Amino acid sequence: MIIIKIMGASKTEHFTDQQNAIAILAKALGHPARVAIMDYLLEADACICGDIVNELPLAQPTVSQHLKELKNAGLIKGNIEGNAICYCIDEKALDQMQNYFAHISTRLSQKKNNCC
């Protein structure tokens, strides 16, 4: 029997569901194009992929791939309207991130630690 060790493989089963969920959201926002898409969706409220392509200096297939990553992470949702998809922000995912950062902020203010 040959065992192959893959370098860099994450062991997500060792972390809580919340930790894994936040990591997925953070990873999806880890590219400036995806942040730009989120910013655009905040301004536009809803749009189709073509509108986003017009706003970013990226090719349509690249924008589609970024939209797919954001959708897979749960940050956006899309509805098919004719031959286009109308995207908007999924507020549940943003609430989850906001609660996470609020928890960190509360814990830090309670600690009043002068570390570093």
PDB file of N, CA and C in Angstrom:
ATOM      1  N   MET A   1       0.836  -1.177   0.000  1.00  0.00           N
ATOM      2  CA  MET A   1       0.000   0.000   0.000  1.00  0.00           C
ATOM      3  C   MET A   1       0.883   1.242   0.000  1.00  0.00           C
ATOM      4  N   ILE A   2       0.602   2.161  -0.910  1.00  0.00           N
ATOM      5  CA  ILE A   2       1.356   3.400  -1.013  1.00  0.00           C
ATOM      6  C   ILE A   2       0.504   4.529  -0.468  1.00  0.00           C
ATOM      7  N   ILE A   3       1.086   5.314   0.451  1.00  0.00           N
ATOM      8  CA  ILE A   3       0.389   6.465   1.010  1.00  0.00           C
ATOM      9  C   ILE A   3       1.053   7.719   0.475  1.00  0.00           C
ATOM     10  N   ILE A   4       0.256   8.571  -0.114  1.00  0.00           N
ATOM     11  CA  ILE A   4       0.768   9.823  -0.664  1.00  0.00           C
ATOM     12  C   ILE A   4       0.302  10.950   0.238  1.00  0.00           C
ATOM     13  N   LYS A   5       1.252  11.727   0.713  1.00  0.00           N
ATOM     14  CA  LYS A   5       0.923  12.879   1.542  1.00  0.00           C
ATOM     15  C   LYS A   5       0.863  14.108   0.649  1.00  0.00           C
ATOM     16  N   ILE A   6      -0.279  14.765   0.697  1.00  0.00           N
ATOM     17  CA  ILE A   6      -0.455  15.967  -0.110  1.00  0.00           C
ATOM     18  C   ILE A   6      -0.117  17.166   0.762  1.00  0.00           C
ATOM     19  N   MET A   7       0.832  17.962   0.307  1.00  0.00           N
ATOM     20  CA  MET A   7       1.241  19.154   1.042  1.00  0.00           C
ATOM     21  C   MET A   7       0.166  20.223   0.941  1.00  0.00           C
ATOM     22  N   GLY A   8      -0.071  20.887   2.036  1.00  0.00           N
ATOM     23  CA  GLY A   8      -0.986  22.007   2.033  1.00  0.00           C
ATOM     24  C   GLY A   8      -2.454  21.620   2.111  1.00  0.00           C
ATOM     25  N   ALA A   9      -2.749  20.333   2.236  1.00  0.00           N
ATOM     26  CA  ALA A   9      -4.142  19.920   2.331  1.00  0.00           C
ATOM     27  C   ALA A   9      -4.705  20.361   3.677  1.00  0.00           C
ATOM     28  N   SER A  10      -5.850  21.012   3.632  1.00  0.00           N
ATOM     29  CA  SER A  10      -6.446  21.476   4.882  1.00  0.00           C
ATOM     30  C   SER A  10      -7.260  20.360   5.507  1.00  0.00           C
ATOM     31  N   LYS A  11      -7.332  20.378   6.801  1.00  0.00           N
ATOM     32  CA  LYS A  11      -8.095  19.389   7.534  1.00  0.00           C
ATOM     33  C   LYS A  11      -9.283  20.095   8.161  1.00  0.00           C
ATOM     34  N   THR A  12     -10.243  20.440   7.324  1.00  0.00           N
ATOM     35  CA  THR A  12     -11.373  21.242   7.774  1.00  0.00           C
ATOM     36  C   THR A  12     -12.210  20.542   8.830  1.00  0.00           C
ATOM     37  N   GLU A  13     -12.134  19.226   8.896  1.00  0.00           N
ATOM     38  CA  GLU A  13     -12.916  18.502   9.897  1.00  0.00           C
ATOM     39  C   GLU A  13     -12.442  18.785  11.322  1.00  0.00           C
ATOM     40  N   HIS A  14     -11.264  19.367  11.474  1.00  0.00           N
ATOM     41  CA  HIS A  14     -10.727  19.696  12.794  1.00  0.00           C
ATOM     42  C   HIS A  14     -11.238  21.036  13.318  1.00  0.00           C
ATOM     43  N   PHE A  15     -12.053  21.726  12.532  1.00  0.00           N
ATOM     44  CA  PHE A  15     -12.524  23.053  12.910  1.00  0.00           C
ATOM     45  C   PHE A  15     -14.041  23.056  12.989  1.00  0.00           C
ATOM     46  N   THR A  16     -14.589  24.039  13.687  1.00  0.00           N
ATOM     47  CA  THR A  16     -16.038  24.111  13.853  1.00  0.00           C
ATOM     48  C   THR A  16     -16.705  24.487  12.537  1.00  0.00           C
ATOM     49  N   ASP A  17     -17.994  24.236  12.475  1.00  0.00           N
ATOM     50  CA  ASP A  17     -18.753  24.621  11.287  1.00  0.00           C
ATOM     51  C   ASP A  17     -18.662  26.127  11.061  1.00  0.00           C
ATOM     52  N   GLN A  18     -18.724  26.902  12.141  1.00  0.00           N
ATOM     53  CA  GLN A  18     -18.642  28.356  12.011  1.00  0.00           C
ATOM     54  C   GLN A  18     -17.272  28.780  11.491  1.00  0.00           C
ATOM     55  N   GLN A  19     -16.207  28.186  12.000  1.00  0.00           N
ATOM     56  CA  GLN A  19     -14.867  28.524  11.529  1.00  0.00           C
ATOM     57  C   GLN A  19     -14.716  28.198  10.046  1.00  0.00           C
ATOM     58  N   ASN A  20     -15.216  27.056   9.622  1.00  0.00           N
ATOM     59  CA  ASN A  20     -15.156  26.688   8.205  1.00  0.00           C
ATOM     60  C   ASN A  20     -15.997  27.632   7.348  1.00  0.00           C
ATOM     61  N   ALA A  21     -17.175  28.013   7.843  1.00  0.00           N
ATOM     62  CA  ALA A  21     -18.051  28.912   7.080  1.00  0.00           C
ATOM     63  C   ALA A  21     -17.410  30.282   6.900  1.00  0.00           C
ATOM     64  N   ILE A  22     -16.832  30.820   7.966  1.00  0.00           N
ATOM     65  CA  ILE A  22     -16.173  32.124   7.873  1.00  0.00           C
ATOM     66  C   ILE A  22     -14.970  32.044   6.937  1.00  0.00           C
ATOM     67  N   ALA A  23     -14.227  30.950   6.988  1.00  0.00           N
ATOM     68  CA  ALA A  23     -13.065  30.779   6.112  1.00  0.00           C
ATOM     69  C   ALA A  23     -13.483  30.747   4.640  1.00  0.00           C
ATOM     70  N   ILE A  24     -14.596  30.106   4.338  1.00  0.00           N
ATOM     71  CA  ILE A  24     -15.095  30.053   2.966  1.00  0.00           C
ATOM     72  C   ILE A  24     -15.456  31.453   2.483  1.00  0.00           C
ATOM     73  N   LEU A  25     -16.143  32.221   3.334  1.00  0.00           N
ATOM     74  CA  LEU A  25     -16.524  33.586   2.969  1.00  0.00           C
ATOM     75  C   LEU A  25     -15.281  34.465   2.775  1.00  0.00           C
ATOM     76  N   ALA A  26     -14.327  34.337   3.689  1.00  0.00           N
ATOM     77  CA  ALA A  26     -13.108  35.146   3.597  1.00  0.00           C
ATOM     78  C   ALA A  26     -12.307  34.790   2.345  1.00  0.00           C
ATOM     79  N   LYS A  27     -12.239  33.512   2.036  1.00  0.00           N
ATOM     80  CA  LYS A  27     -11.506  33.087   0.835  1.00  0.00           C
ATOM     81  C   LYS A  27     -12.162  33.656  -0.422  1.00  0.00           C
ATOM     82  N   ALA A  28     -13.483  33.653  -0.452  1.00  0.00           N
ATOM     83  CA  ALA A  28     -14.195  34.182  -1.613  1.00  0.00           C
ATOM     84  C   ALA A  28     -13.931  35.674  -1.780  1.00  0.00           C
ATOM     85  N   LEU A  29     -13.744  36.378  -0.679  1.00  0.00           N
ATOM     86  CA  LEU A  29     -13.466  37.816  -0.748  1.00  0.00           C
ATOM     87  C   LEU A  29     -11.974  38.113  -0.869  1.00  0.00           C
ATOM     88  N   GLY A  30     -11.171  37.081  -1.007  1.00  0.00           N
ATOM     89  CA  GLY A  30      -9.723  37.228  -1.046  1.00  0.00           C
ATOM     90  C   GLY A  30      -9.156  37.663  -2.386  1.00  0.00           C
ATOM     91  N   HIS A  31      -9.970  38.130  -3.292  1.00  0.00           N
ATOM     92  CA  HIS A  31      -9.488  38.611  -4.589  1.00  0.00           C
ATOM     93  C   HIS A  31     -10.105  39.980  -4.835  1.00  0.00           C
ATOM     94  N   PRO A  32      -9.304  40.958  -5.256  1.00  0.00           N
ATOM     95  CA  PRO A  32      -9.834  42.312  -5.436  1.00  0.00           C
ATOM     96  C   PRO A  32     -10.961  42.400  -6.470  1.00  0.00           C
ATOM     97  N   ALA A  33     -10.960  41.534  -7.470  1.00  0.00           N
ATOM     98  CA  ALA A  33     -12.047  41.558  -8.454  1.00  0.00           C
ATOM     99  C   ALA A  33     -13.366  41.175  -7.795  1.00  0.00           C
ATOM    100  N   ARG A  34     -13.322  40.232  -6.858  1.00  0.00           N
ATOM    101  CA  ARG A  34     -14.549  39.817  -6.167  1.00  0.00           C
ATOM    102  C   ARG A  34     -15.028  40.911  -5.229  1.00  0.00           C
ATOM    103  N   VAL A  35     -14.100  41.610  -4.607  1.00  0.00           N
ATOM    104  CA  VAL A  35     -14.476  42.749  -3.765  1.00  0.00           C
ATOM    105  C   VAL A  35     -15.114  43.828  -4.636  1.00  0.00           C
ATOM    106  N   ALA A  36     -14.554  44.059  -5.819  1.00  0.00           N
ATOM    107  CA  ALA A  36     -15.109  45.051  -6.747  1.00  0.00           C
ATOM    108  C   ALA A  36     -16.514  44.638  -7.200  1.00  0.00           C
ATOM    109  N   ILE A  37     -16.716  43.363  -7.433  1.00  0.00           N
ATOM    110  CA  ILE A  37     -18.050  42.876  -7.811  1.00  0.00           C
ATOM    111  C   ILE A  37     -19.039  43.121  -6.680  1.00  0.00           C
ATOM    112  N   MET A  38     -18.626  42.817  -5.450  1.00  0.00           N
ATOM    113  CA  MET A  38     -19.503  43.053  -4.298  1.00  0.00           C
ATOM    114  C   MET A  38     -19.829  44.539  -4.177  1.00  0.00           C
ATOM    115  N   ASP A  39     -18.831  45.400  -4.359  1.00  0.00           N
ATOM    116  CA  ASP A  39     -19.054  46.848  -4.307  1.00  0.00           C
ATOM    117  C   ASP A  39     -20.055  47.270  -5.375  1.00  0.00           C
ATOM    118  N   TYR A  40     -19.899  46.731  -6.579  1.00  0.00           N
ATOM    119  CA  TYR A  40     -20.805  47.078  -7.666  1.00  0.00           C
ATOM    120  C   TYR A  40     -22.233  46.620  -7.356  1.00  0.00           C
ATOM    121  N   LEU A  41     -22.371  45.414  -6.825  1.00  0.00           N
ATOM    122  CA  LEU A  41     -23.699  44.908  -6.486  1.00  0.00           C
ATOM    123  C   LEU A  41     -24.342  45.736  -5.376  1.00  0.00           C
ATOM    124  N   LEU A  42     -23.528  46.245  -4.462  1.00  0.00           N
ATOM    125  CA  LEU A  42     -24.066  47.120  -3.412  1.00  0.00           C
ATOM    126  C   LEU A  42     -24.638  48.397  -4.018  1.00  0.00           C
ATOM    127  N   GLU A  43     -23.968  48.930  -5.021  1.00  0.00           N
ATOM    128  CA  GLU A  43     -24.424  50.164  -5.658  1.00  0.00           C
ATOM    129  C   GLU A  43     -25.603  49.918  -6.596  1.00  0.00           C
ATOM    130  N   ALA A  44     -25.541  48.839  -7.355  1.00  0.00           N
ATOM    131  CA  ALA A  44     -26.539  48.582  -8.387  1.00  0.00           C
ATOM    132  C   ALA A  44     -27.782  47.888  -7.843  1.00  0.00           C
ATOM    133  N   ASP A  45     -27.698  47.276  -6.676  1.00  0.00           N
ATOM    134  CA  ASP A  45     -28.776  46.523  -6.034  1.00  0.00           C
ATOM    135  C   ASP A  45     -28.968  45.165  -6.706  1.00  0.00           C
ATOM    136  N   ALA A  46     -28.993  45.110  -8.018  1.00  0.00           N
ATOM    137  CA  ALA A  46     -29.072  43.855  -8.765  1.00  0.00           C
ATOM    138  C   ALA A  46     -28.605  44.156 -10.183  1.00  0.00           C
ATOM    139  N   CYS A  47     -28.067  43.175 -10.846  1.00  0.00           N
ATOM    140  CA  CYS A  47     -27.601  43.408 -12.204  1.00  0.00           C
ATOM    141  C   CYS A  47     -27.412  42.084 -12.908  1.00  0.00           C
ATOM    142  N   ILE A  48     -27.124  42.146 -14.188  1.00  0.00           N
ATOM    143  CA  ILE A  48     -26.787  40.942 -14.932  1.00  0.00           C
ATOM    144  C   ILE A  48     -25.291  40.917 -15.165  1.00  0.00           C
ATOM    145  N   CYS A  49     -24.785  39.777 -15.546  1.00  0.00           N
ATOM    146  CA  CYS A  49     -23.343  39.606 -15.728  1.00  0.00           C
ATOM    147  C   CYS A  49     -22.769  40.625 -16.700  1.00  0.00           C
ATOM    148  N   GLY A  50     -23.462  40.936 -17.758  1.00  0.00           N
ATOM    149  CA  GLY A  50     -22.966  41.889 -18.748  1.00  0.00           C
ATOM    150  C   GLY A  50     -22.695  43.256 -18.148  1.00  0.00           C
ATOM    151  N   ASP A  51     -23.539  43.691 -17.215  1.00  0.00           N
ATOM    152  CA  ASP A  51     -23.331  44.975 -16.558  1.00  0.00           C
ATOM    153  C   ASP A  51     -22.024  44.971 -15.770  1.00  0.00           C
ATOM    154  N   ILE A  52     -21.744  43.877 -15.108  1.00  0.00           N
ATOM    155  CA  ILE A  52     -20.528  43.776 -14.302  1.00  0.00           C
ATOM    156  C   ILE A  52     -19.303  43.790 -15.211  1.00  0.00           C
ATOM    157  N   VAL A  53     -19.383  43.102 -16.336  1.00  0.00           N
ATOM    158  CA  VAL A  53     -18.272  43.066 -17.291  1.00  0.00           C
ATOM    159  C   VAL A  53     -17.944  44.476 -17.761  1.00  0.00           C
ATOM    160  N   ASN A  54     -18.967  45.310 -17.947  1.00  0.00           N
ATOM    161  CA  ASN A  54     -18.742  46.686 -18.391  1.00  0.00           C
ATOM    162  C   ASN A  54     -18.060  47.538 -17.326  1.00  0.00           C
ATOM    163  N   GLU A  55     -18.151  47.141 -16.072  1.00  0.00           N
ATOM    164  CA  GLU A  55     -17.596  47.919 -14.968  1.00  0.00           C
ATOM    165  C   GLU A  55     -16.177  47.510 -14.584  1.00  0.00           C
ATOM    166  N   LEU A  56     -15.772  46.321 -14.962  1.00  0.00           N
ATOM    167  CA  LEU A  56     -14.458  45.800 -14.554  1.00  0.00           C
ATOM    168  C   LEU A  56     -13.533  45.625 -15.754  1.00  0.00           C
ATOM    169  N   PRO A  57     -12.237  45.758 -15.536  1.00  0.00           N
ATOM    170  CA  PRO A  57     -11.285  45.578 -16.636  1.00  0.00           C
ATOM    171  C   PRO A  57     -10.929  44.103 -16.840  1.00  0.00           C
ATOM    172  N   LEU A  58     -11.975  43.264 -16.888  1.00  0.00           N
ATOM    173  CA  LEU A  58     -11.773  41.824 -17.019  1.00  0.00           C
ATOM    174  C   LEU A  58     -12.645  41.272 -18.134  1.00  0.00           C
ATOM    175  N   ALA A  59     -12.217  40.167 -18.714  1.00  0.00           N
ATOM    176  CA  ALA A  59     -12.997  39.507 -19.757  1.00  0.00           C
ATOM    177  C   ALA A  59     -14.232  38.851 -19.142  1.00  0.00           C
ATOM    178  N   GLN A  60     -15.242  38.658 -19.970  1.00  0.00           N
ATOM    179  CA  GLN A  60     -16.497  38.070 -19.498  1.00  0.00           C
ATOM    180  C   GLN A  60     -16.306  36.708 -18.846  1.00  0.00           C
ATOM    181  N   PRO A  61     -15.490  35.792 -19.411  1.00  0.00           N
ATOM    182  CA  PRO A  61     -15.305  34.499 -18.741  1.00  0.00           C
ATOM    183  C   PRO A  61     -14.665  34.638 -17.353  1.00  0.00           C
ATOM    184  N   THR A  62     -13.768  35.610 -17.197  1.00  0.00           N
ATOM    185  CA  THR A  62     -13.122  35.832 -15.899  1.00  0.00           C
ATOM    186  C   THR A  62     -14.136  36.349 -14.890  1.00  0.00           C
ATOM    187  N   VAL A  63     -14.969  37.289 -15.307  1.00  0.00           N
ATOM    188  CA  VAL A  63     -16.014  37.810 -14.422  1.00  0.00           C
ATOM    189  C   VAL A  63     -16.959  36.681 -14.035  1.00  0.00           C
ATOM    190  N   SER A  64     -17.336  35.850 -14.994  1.00  0.00           N
ATOM    191  CA  SER A  64     -18.226  34.718 -14.703  1.00  0.00           C
ATOM    192  C   SER A  64     -17.611  33.778 -13.676  1.00  0.00           C
ATOM    193  N   GLN A  65     -16.313  33.537 -13.768  1.00  0.00           N
ATOM    194  CA  GLN A  65     -15.640  32.664 -12.797  1.00  0.00           C
ATOM    195  C   GLN A  65     -15.656  33.285 -11.406  1.00  0.00           C
ATOM    196  N   HIS A  66     -15.426  34.588 -11.317  1.00  0.00           N
ATOM    197  CA  HIS A  66     -15.478  35.262 -10.017  1.00  0.00           C
ATOM    198  C   HIS A  66     -16.900  35.241  -9.447  1.00  0.00           C
ATOM    199  N   LEU A  67     -17.892  35.431 -10.304  1.00  0.00           N
ATOM    200  CA  LEU A  67     -19.285  35.355  -9.855  1.00  0.00           C
ATOM    201  C   LEU A  67     -19.601  33.957  -9.326  1.00  0.00           C
ATOM    202  N   LYS A  68     -19.081  32.949  -9.997  1.00  0.00           N
ATOM    203  CA  LYS A  68     -19.294  31.569  -9.554  1.00  0.00           C
ATOM    204  C   LYS A  68     -18.702  31.346  -8.165  1.00  0.00           C
ATOM    205  N   GLU A  69     -17.493  31.861  -7.925  1.00  0.00           N
ATOM    206  CA  GLU A  69     -16.852  31.715  -6.612  1.00  0.00           C
ATOM    207  C   GLU A  69     -17.665  32.412  -5.522  1.00  0.00           C
ATOM    208  N   LEU A  70     -18.139  33.617  -5.820  1.00  0.00           N
ATOM    209  CA  LEU A  70     -18.948  34.354  -4.844  1.00  0.00           C
ATOM    210  C   LEU A  70     -20.264  33.639  -4.571  1.00  0.00           C
ATOM    211  N   LYS A  71     -20.852  33.082  -5.613  1.00  0.00           N
ATOM    212  CA  LYS A  71     -22.123  32.363  -5.448  1.00  0.00           C
ATOM    213  C   LYS A  71     -21.911  31.066  -4.674  1.00  0.00           C
ATOM    214  N   ASN A  72     -20.853  30.330  -4.979  1.00  0.00           N
ATOM    215  CA  ASN A  72     -20.569  29.085  -4.268  1.00  0.00           C
ATOM    216  C   ASN A  72     -20.323  29.325  -2.776  1.00  0.00           C
ATOM    217  N   ALA A  73     -19.749  30.474  -2.446  1.00  0.00           N
ATOM    218  CA  ALA A  73     -19.493  30.803  -1.050  1.00  0.00           C
ATOM    219  C   ALA A  73     -20.754  31.297  -0.343  1.00  0.00           C
ATOM    220  N   GLY A  74     -21.782  31.612  -1.119  1.00  0.00           N
ATOM    221  CA  GLY A  74     -23.027  32.091  -0.530  1.00  0.00           C
ATOM    222  C   GLY A  74     -23.106  33.594  -0.364  1.00  0.00           C
ATOM    223  N   LEU A  75     -22.150  34.318  -0.925  1.00  0.00           N
ATOM    224  CA  LEU A  75     -22.146  35.776  -0.793  1.00  0.00           C
ATOM    225  C   LEU A  75     -23.125  36.453  -1.749  1.00  0.00           C
ATOM    226  N   ILE A  76     -23.384  35.823  -2.881  1.00  0.00           N
ATOM    227  CA  ILE A  76     -24.348  36.371  -3.827  1.00  0.00           C
ATOM    228  C   ILE A  76     -25.311  35.266  -4.235  1.00  0.00           C
ATOM    229  N   LYS A  77     -26.434  35.688  -4.793  1.00  0.00           N
ATOM    230  CA  LYS A  77     -27.373  34.730  -5.370  1.00  0.00           C
ATOM    231  C   LYS A  77     -27.766  35.245  -6.738  1.00  0.00           C
ATOM    232  N   GLY A  78     -28.213  34.351  -7.580  1.00  0.00           N
ATOM    233  CA  GLY A  78     -28.566  34.741  -8.936  1.00  0.00           C
ATOM    234  C   GLY A  78     -29.842  34.080  -9.393  1.00  0.00           C
ATOM    235  N   ASN A  79     -30.643  34.840 -10.126  1.00  0.00           N
ATOM    236  CA  ASN A  79     -31.874  34.324 -10.708  1.00  0.00           C
ATOM    237  C   ASN A  79     -31.776  34.424 -12.217  1.00  0.00           C
ATOM    238  N   ILE A  80     -32.232  33.393 -12.895  1.00  0.00           N
ATOM    239  CA  ILE A  80     -32.212  33.392 -14.357  1.00  0.00           C
ATOM    240  C   ILE A  80     -33.385  34.225 -14.851  1.00  0.00           C
ATOM    241  N   GLU A  81     -33.060  35.200 -15.688  1.00  0.00           N
ATOM    242  CA  GLU A  81     -34.065  36.053 -16.320  1.00  0.00           C
ATOM    243  C   GLU A  81     -33.816  36.027 -17.816  1.00  0.00           C
ATOM    244  N   GLY A  82     -34.581  35.214 -18.517  1.00  0.00           N
ATOM    245  CA  GLY A  82     -34.361  35.034 -19.951  1.00  0.00           C
ATOM    246  C   GLY A  82     -33.060  34.285 -20.182  1.00  0.00           C
ATOM    247  N   ASN A  83     -32.151  34.896 -20.944  1.00  0.00           N
ATOM    248  CA  ASN A  83     -30.859  34.243 -21.194  1.00  0.00           C
ATOM    249  C   ASN A  83     -29.738  34.875 -20.362  1.00  0.00           C
ATOM    250  N   ALA A  84     -30.114  35.641 -19.329  1.00  0.00           N
ATOM    251  CA  ALA A  84     -29.123  36.272 -18.450  1.00  0.00           C
ATOM    252  C   ALA A  84     -29.418  35.895 -17.006  1.00  0.00           C
ATOM    253  N   ILE A  85     -28.446  36.137 -16.152  1.00  0.00           N
ATOM    254  CA  ILE A  85     -28.617  35.882 -14.724  1.00  0.00           C
ATOM    255  C   ILE A  85     -28.534  37.211 -13.995  1.00  0.00           C
ATOM    256  N   CYS A  86     -29.517  37.476 -13.161  1.00  0.00           N
ATOM    257  CA  CYS A  86     -29.547  38.687 -12.354  1.00  0.00           C
ATOM    258  C   CYS A  86     -28.960  38.352 -10.990  1.00  0.00           C
ATOM    259  N   TYR A  87     -27.870  39.012 -10.619  1.00  0.00           N
ATOM    260  CA  TYR A  87     -27.184  38.734  -9.358  1.00  0.00           C
ATOM    261  C   TYR A  87     -27.501  39.799  -8.319  1.00  0.00           C
ATOM    262  N   CYS A  88     -27.514  39.371  -7.061  1.00  0.00           N
ATOM    263  CA  CYS A  88     -27.633  40.304  -5.945  1.00  0.00           C
ATOM    264  C   CYS A  88     -26.908  39.704  -4.738  1.00  0.00           C
ATOM    265  N   ILE A  89     -26.661  40.534  -3.746  1.00  0.00           N
ATOM    266  CA  ILE A  89     -25.953  40.098  -2.543  1.00  0.00           C
ATOM    267  C   ILE A  89     -26.885  39.282  -1.655  1.00  0.00           C
ATOM    268  N   ASP A  90     -26.374  38.204  -1.115  1.00  0.00           N
ATOM    269  CA  ASP A  90     -27.125  37.378  -0.170  1.00  0.00           C
ATOM    270  C   ASP A  90     -26.826  37.899   1.231  1.00  0.00           C
ATOM    271  N   GLU A  91     -27.788  38.550   1.826  1.00  0.00           N
ATOM    272  CA  GLU A  91     -27.574  39.219   3.108  1.00  0.00           C
ATOM    273  C   GLU A  91     -27.288  38.246   4.259  1.00  0.00           C
ATOM    274  N   LYS A  92     -27.712  36.987   4.136  1.00  0.00           N
ATOM    275  CA  LYS A  92     -27.456  36.020   5.208  1.00  0.00           C
ATOM    276  C   LYS A  92     -25.963  35.821   5.424  1.00  0.00           C
ATOM    277  N   ALA A  93     -25.209  35.732   4.344  1.00  0.00           N
ATOM    278  CA  ALA A  93     -23.763  35.530   4.463  1.00  0.00           C
ATOM    279  C   ALA A  93     -23.099  36.752   5.082  1.00  0.00           C
ATOM    280  N   LEU A  94     -23.560  37.935   4.693  1.00  0.00           N
ATOM    281  CA  LEU A  94     -22.978  39.157   5.252  1.00  0.00           C
ATOM    282  C   LEU A  94     -23.323  39.292   6.733  1.00  0.00           C
ATOM    283  N   ASP A  95     -24.525  38.866   7.118  1.00  0.00           N
ATOM    284  CA  ASP A  95     -24.894  38.872   8.539  1.00  0.00           C
ATOM    285  C   ASP A  95     -23.968  37.953   9.329  1.00  0.00           C
ATOM    286  N   GLN A  96     -23.647  36.812   8.743  1.00  0.00           N
ATOM    287  CA  GLN A  96     -22.758  35.856   9.403  1.00  0.00           C
ATOM    288  C   GLN A  96     -21.374  36.472   9.618  1.00  0.00           C
ATOM    289  N   MET A  97     -20.849  37.141   8.609  1.00  0.00           N
ATOM    290  CA  MET A  97     -19.538  37.791   8.752  1.00  0.00           C
ATOM    291  C   MET A  97     -19.607  38.939   9.751  1.00  0.00           C
ATOM    292  N   GLN A  98     -20.662  39.719   9.684  1.00  0.00           N
ATOM    293  CA  GLN A  98     -20.815  40.846  10.604  1.00  0.00           C
ATOM    294  C   GLN A  98     -20.878  40.351  12.051  1.00  0.00           C
ATOM    295  N   ASN A  99     -21.598  39.272  12.284  1.00  0.00           N
ATOM    296  CA  ASN A  99     -21.669  38.710  13.636  1.00  0.00           C
ATOM    297  C   ASN A  99     -20.311  38.208  14.105  1.00  0.00           C
ATOM    298  N   TYR A 100     -19.561  37.608  13.189  1.00  0.00           N
ATOM    299  CA  TYR A 100     -18.233  37.112  13.537  1.00  0.00           C
ATOM    300  C   TYR A 100     -17.308  38.255  13.959  1.00  0.00           C
ATOM    301  N   PHE A 101     -17.283  39.328  13.148  1.00  0.00           N
ATOM    302  CA  PHE A 101     -16.409  40.456  13.470  1.00  0.00           C
ATOM    303  C   PHE A 101     -16.896  41.224  14.696  1.00  0.00           C
ATOM    304  N   ALA A 102     -18.194  41.265  14.916  1.00  0.00           N
ATOM    305  CA  ALA A 102     -18.731  41.892  16.127  1.00  0.00           C
ATOM    306  C   ALA A 102     -18.293  41.097  17.357  1.00  0.00           C
ATOM    307  N   HIS A 103     -18.291  39.772  17.235  1.00  0.00           N
ATOM    308  CA  HIS A 103     -17.834  38.910  18.337  1.00  0.00           C
ATOM    309  C   HIS A 103     -16.359  39.168  18.641  1.00  0.00           C
ATOM    310  N   ILE A 104     -15.542  39.266  17.613  1.00  0.00           N
ATOM    311  CA  ILE A 104     -14.113  39.558  17.811  1.00  0.00           C
ATOM    312  C   ILE A 104     -13.946  40.910  18.491  1.00  0.00           C
ATOM    313  N   SER A 105     -14.655  41.901  18.019  1.00  0.00           N
ATOM    314  CA  SER A 105     -14.555  43.245  18.581  1.00  0.00           C
ATOM    315  C   SER A 105     -14.963  43.259  20.052  1.00  0.00           C
ATOM    316  N   THR A 106     -16.051  42.583  20.365  1.00  0.00           N
ATOM    317  CA  THR A 106     -16.520  42.510  21.758  1.00  0.00           C
ATOM    318  C   THR A 106     -15.494  41.823  22.639  1.00  0.00           C
ATOM    319  N   ARG A 107     -14.963  40.713  22.168  1.00  0.00           N
ATOM    320  CA  ARG A 107     -13.959  39.973  22.951  1.00  0.00           C
ATOM    321  C   ARG A 107     -12.713  40.813  23.185  1.00  0.00           C
ATOM    322  N   LEU A 108     -12.269  41.536  22.168  1.00  0.00           N
ATOM    323  CA  LEU A 108     -11.078  42.372  22.316  1.00  0.00           C
ATOM    324  C   LEU A 108     -11.321  43.504  23.311  1.00  0.00           C
ATOM    325  N   SER A 109     -12.487  44.113  23.257  1.00  0.00           N
ATOM    326  CA  SER A 109     -12.766  45.211  24.185  1.00  0.00           C
ATOM    327  C   SER A 109     -12.901  44.697  25.616  1.00  0.00           C
ATOM    328  N   GLN A 110     -13.342  43.461  25.791  1.00  0.00           N
ATOM    329  CA  GLN A 110     -13.445  42.869  27.128  1.00  0.00           C
ATOM    330  C   GLN A 110     -12.074  42.522  27.692  1.00  0.00           C
ATOM    331  N   LYS A 111     -11.153  42.111  26.836  1.00  0.00           N
ATOM    332  CA  LYS A 111      -9.824  41.715  27.281  1.00  0.00           C
ATOM    333  C   LYS A 111      -9.018  42.896  27.753  1.00  0.00           C
ATOM    334  N   LYS A 112      -9.134  44.023  27.072  1.00  0.00           N
ATOM    335  CA  LYS A 112      -8.332  45.202  27.378  1.00  0.00           C
ATOM    336  C   LYS A 112      -6.860  44.831  27.572  1.00  0.00           C
ATOM    337  N   ASN A 113      -6.406  44.025  26.648  1.00  0.00           N
ATOM    338  CA  ASN A 113      -5.056  43.496  26.695  1.00  0.00           C
ATOM    339  C   ASN A 113      -4.112  44.461  25.965  1.00  0.00           C
ATOM    340  N   ASN A 114      -2.979  44.672  26.509  1.00  0.00           N
ATOM    341  CA  ASN A 114      -1.979  45.545  25.887  1.00  0.00           C
ATOM    342  C   ASN A 114      -0.919  44.739  25.160  1.00  0.00           C
ATOM    343  N   CYS A 115      -1.338  43.672  24.548  1.00  0.00           N
ATOM    344  CA  CYS A 115      -0.408  42.804  23.834  1.00  0.00           C
ATOM    345  C   CYS A 115       0.146  43.525  22.609  1.00  0.00           C
ATOM    346  N   CYS A 116       1.431  43.362  22.382  1.00  0.00           N
ATOM    347  CA  CYS A 116       2.145  43.921  21.231  1.00  0.00           C
ATOM    348  C   CYS A 116       2.056  45.423  21.240  1.00  0.00           C
TER     349      CYS A 116
END
